[in-house]
Amino acid sequence: MKTFYDVQQLLKRFGHFLYMGDRMLDMEMMETEIKELYLSGLITKEEMHDALLVIRNERVQEKKKRMKSRGLK
């Protein structure tokens, strides 16, 4: 799992379609869903770690993007 799209496809496999209108909220909810899938025994520990890493990296990029659009460094 290497991309945000890959994480979305993993969630889609289990019927999870997330769109809250705010990308940061979407990512927060995705993290929660990934953890729940792991705790339920539906995905492996490795899948959980890979997915969480991708989401967290995406969150950093989104924060940078938001700061840039506000004229901050």
N, C-alpha and C. Protein backbone atom coordinates (compact mmCIF):
# COMPACT_ATOMS: atom_id res chain seq x y z
N MET A 1 0.85 -1.16 0.00
CA MET A 1 0.00 0.00 0.00
C MET A 1 0.90 1.23 0.00
N LYS A 2 0.78 2.01 -1.07
CA LYS A 2 1.71 3.13 -1.22
C LYS A 2 1.04 4.47 -1.39
N THR A 3 -0.21 4.49 -1.79
CA THR A 3 -0.87 5.76 -2.07
C THR A 3 -2.16 5.90 -1.27
N PHE A 4 -2.63 7.13 -1.20
CA PHE A 4 -3.89 7.42 -0.54
C PHE A 4 -5.03 6.66 -1.22
N TYR A 5 -4.94 6.56 -2.52
CA TYR A 5 -5.94 5.81 -3.29
C TYR A 5 -5.96 4.35 -2.84
N ASP A 6 -4.80 3.77 -2.60
CA ASP A 6 -4.72 2.39 -2.13
C ASP A 6 -5.46 2.22 -0.80
N VAL A 7 -5.31 3.20 0.09
CA VAL A 7 -6.00 3.15 1.38
C VAL A 7 -7.51 3.24 1.17
N GLN A 8 -7.93 4.13 0.28
CA GLN A 8 -9.35 4.25 -0.02
C GLN A 8 -9.90 2.93 -0.56
N GLN A 9 -9.13 2.26 -1.41
CA GLN A 9 -9.57 0.99 -1.97
C GLN A 9 -9.65 -0.10 -0.90
N LEU A 10 -8.73 -0.08 0.05
CA LEU A 10 -8.79 -1.03 1.16
C LEU A 10 -10.08 -0.83 1.94
N LEU A 11 -10.40 0.40 2.27
CA LEU A 11 -11.63 0.68 3.00
C LEU A 11 -12.86 0.31 2.17
N LYS A 12 -12.79 0.56 0.89
CA LYS A 12 -13.91 0.25 -0.01
C LYS A 12 -14.20 -1.25 -0.01
N ARG A 13 -13.17 -2.07 0.10
CA ARG A 13 -13.34 -3.53 0.16
C ARG A 13 -14.29 -3.94 1.29
N PHE A 14 -14.31 -3.13 2.34
CA PHE A 14 -15.14 -3.43 3.51
C PHE A 14 -16.39 -2.56 3.58
N GLY A 15 -16.68 -1.89 2.47
CA GLY A 15 -17.90 -1.09 2.41
C GLY A 15 -17.81 0.27 3.05
N HIS A 16 -16.60 0.76 3.27
CA HIS A 16 -16.41 2.07 3.88
C HIS A 16 -16.14 3.11 2.80
N PHE A 17 -17.06 4.04 2.63
CA PHE A 17 -16.90 5.14 1.69
C PHE A 17 -16.98 6.42 2.52
N LEU A 18 -15.87 7.13 2.62
CA LEU A 18 -15.82 8.30 3.49
C LEU A 18 -15.70 9.58 2.68
N TYR A 19 -16.63 10.48 2.92
CA TYR A 19 -16.52 11.83 2.37
C TYR A 19 -17.30 12.75 3.28
N MET A 20 -16.58 13.55 4.04
CA MET A 20 -17.22 14.45 4.99
C MET A 20 -17.15 15.90 4.52
N GLY A 21 -16.53 16.13 3.37
CA GLY A 21 -16.43 17.48 2.85
C GLY A 21 -15.18 18.22 3.29
N ASP A 22 -14.43 17.63 4.19
CA ASP A 22 -13.18 18.22 4.68
C ASP A 22 -12.13 17.11 4.67
N ARG A 23 -11.11 17.31 3.87
CA ARG A 23 -10.10 16.26 3.68
C ARG A 23 -9.44 15.83 4.99
N MET A 24 -9.20 16.79 5.89
CA MET A 24 -8.57 16.45 7.17
C MET A 24 -9.51 15.57 8.00
N LEU A 25 -10.79 15.89 8.02
CA LEU A 25 -11.75 15.05 8.74
C LEU A 25 -11.85 13.67 8.10
N ASP A 26 -11.81 13.62 6.78
CA ASP A 26 -11.83 12.33 6.08
C ASP A 26 -10.67 11.46 6.53
N MET A 27 -9.49 12.06 6.61
CA MET A 27 -8.30 11.30 6.99
C MET A 27 -8.38 10.84 8.44
N GLU A 28 -8.91 11.68 9.30
CA GLU A 28 -9.08 11.31 10.71
C GLU A 28 -10.02 10.10 10.83
N MET A 29 -11.12 10.16 10.10
CA MET A 29 -12.09 9.06 10.13
C MET A 29 -11.49 7.79 9.50
N MET A 30 -10.70 7.96 8.45
CA MET A 30 -10.05 6.81 7.83
C MET A 30 -9.12 6.11 8.81
N GLU A 31 -8.36 6.88 9.58
CA GLU A 31 -7.48 6.29 10.59
C GLU A 31 -8.28 5.45 11.58
N THR A 32 -9.38 6.00 12.03
CA THR A 32 -10.23 5.29 12.98
C THR A 32 -10.76 3.99 12.37
N GLU A 33 -11.22 4.06 11.14
CA GLU A 33 -11.76 2.87 10.47
C GLU A 33 -10.69 1.81 10.26
N ILE A 34 -9.49 2.23 9.89
CA ILE A 34 -8.38 1.28 9.70
C ILE A 34 -8.07 0.56 11.01
N LYS A 35 -8.00 1.31 12.10
CA LYS A 35 -7.73 0.71 13.41
C LYS A 35 -8.83 -0.28 13.79
N GLU A 36 -10.07 0.08 13.53
CA GLU A 36 -11.19 -0.82 13.82
C GLU A 36 -11.13 -2.10 12.98
N LEU A 37 -10.76 -1.97 11.72
CA LEU A 37 -10.63 -3.17 10.88
C LEU A 37 -9.56 -4.10 11.44
N TYR A 38 -8.46 -3.51 11.93
CA TYR A 38 -7.40 -4.34 12.51
C TYR A 38 -7.88 -5.02 13.80
N LEU A 39 -8.49 -4.23 14.68
CA LEU A 39 -8.97 -4.78 15.94
C LEU A 39 -10.03 -5.86 15.74
N SER A 40 -10.74 -5.78 14.63
CA SER A 40 -11.76 -6.79 14.30
C SER A 40 -11.16 -8.01 13.63
N GLY A 41 -9.85 -7.95 13.35
CA GLY A 41 -9.17 -9.08 12.72
C GLY A 41 -9.40 -9.18 11.23
N LEU A 42 -9.83 -8.08 10.60
CA LEU A 42 -10.13 -8.11 9.17
C LEU A 42 -8.94 -7.74 8.30
N ILE A 43 -7.96 -7.03 8.88
CA ILE A 43 -6.73 -6.73 8.15
C ILE A 43 -5.55 -7.07 9.05
N THR A 44 -4.40 -7.25 8.43
CA THR A 44 -3.20 -7.60 9.19
C THR A 44 -2.58 -6.37 9.83
N LYS A 45 -1.69 -6.63 10.76
CA LYS A 45 -0.98 -5.54 11.43
C LYS A 45 -0.17 -4.74 10.40
N GLU A 46 0.43 -5.43 9.45
CA GLU A 46 1.22 -4.78 8.41
C GLU A 46 0.34 -3.87 7.55
N GLU A 47 -0.85 -4.36 7.17
CA GLU A 47 -1.77 -3.53 6.39
C GLU A 47 -2.17 -2.28 7.17
N MET A 48 -2.42 -2.46 8.47
CA MET A 48 -2.80 -1.32 9.30
C MET A 48 -1.67 -0.30 9.34
N HIS A 49 -0.46 -0.76 9.61
CA HIS A 49 0.69 0.15 9.70
C HIS A 49 0.93 0.87 8.38
N ASP A 50 0.87 0.13 7.28
CA ASP A 50 1.08 0.74 5.96
C ASP A 50 0.03 1.81 5.69
N ALA A 51 -1.22 1.48 5.97
CA ALA A 51 -2.32 2.42 5.71
C ALA A 51 -2.18 3.67 6.58
N LEU A 52 -1.87 3.48 7.85
CA LEU A 52 -1.73 4.63 8.75
C LEU A 52 -0.57 5.52 8.34
N LEU A 53 0.52 4.92 7.87
CA LEU A 53 1.66 5.70 7.39
C LEU A 53 1.27 6.55 6.19
N VAL A 54 0.57 5.96 5.26
CA VAL A 54 0.12 6.70 4.07
C VAL A 54 -0.80 7.85 4.47
N ILE A 55 -1.74 7.58 5.36
CA ILE A 55 -2.68 8.62 5.80
C ILE A 55 -1.94 9.75 6.51
N ARG A 56 -1.03 9.40 7.37
CA ARG A 56 -0.29 10.44 8.11
C ARG A 56 0.58 11.27 7.18
N ASN A 57 1.19 10.65 6.20
CA ASN A 57 1.97 11.41 5.22
C ASN A 57 1.06 12.35 4.42
N GLU A 58 -0.09 11.85 4.06
CA GLU A 58 -1.06 12.66 3.32
C GLU A 58 -1.53 13.84 4.18
N ARG A 59 -1.69 13.60 5.47
CA ARG A 59 -2.12 14.67 6.38
C ARG A 59 -1.06 15.78 6.44
N VAL A 60 0.21 15.40 6.48
CA VAL A 60 1.30 16.39 6.49
C VAL A 60 1.24 17.23 5.21
N GLN A 61 1.06 16.57 4.08
CA GLN A 61 0.98 17.29 2.81
C GLN A 61 -0.20 18.25 2.78
N GLU A 62 -1.32 17.81 3.32
CA GLU A 62 -2.53 18.65 3.36
C GLU A 62 -2.31 19.87 4.26
N LYS A 63 -1.64 19.67 5.39
CA LYS A 63 -1.35 20.79 6.28
C LYS A 63 -0.45 21.82 5.59
N LYS A 64 0.56 21.33 4.89
CA LYS A 64 1.46 22.23 4.15
C LYS A 64 0.68 23.01 3.09
N LYS A 65 -0.19 22.31 2.39
CA LYS A 65 -1.00 22.93 1.36
C LYS A 65 -1.90 24.02 1.94
N ARG A 66 -2.51 23.74 3.08
CA ARG A 66 -3.39 24.72 3.73
C ARG A 66 -2.61 25.93 4.22
N MET A 67 -1.45 25.68 4.77
CA MET A 67 -0.62 26.79 5.25
C MET A 67 -0.18 27.67 4.09
N LYS A 68 0.19 27.06 3.00
CA LYS A 68 0.63 27.79 1.82
C LYS A 68 -0.51 28.64 1.26
N SER A 69 -1.71 28.08 1.23
CA SER A 69 -2.86 28.82 0.69
C SER A 69 -3.24 30.00 1.59
N ARG A 70 -2.85 29.92 2.86
CA ARG A 70 -3.11 31.03 3.80
C ARG A 70 -1.96 32.03 3.84
N GLY A 71 -0.93 31.76 3.06
CA GLY A 71 0.21 32.67 3.02
C GLY A 71 1.19 32.49 4.16
N LEU A 72 1.11 31.34 4.85
CA LEU A 72 2.04 31.03 5.94
C LEU A 72 3.16 30.15 5.43
N LYS A 73 4.25 30.08 6.18
CA LYS A 73 5.38 29.23 5.77
C LYS A 73 5.16 27.81 6.14
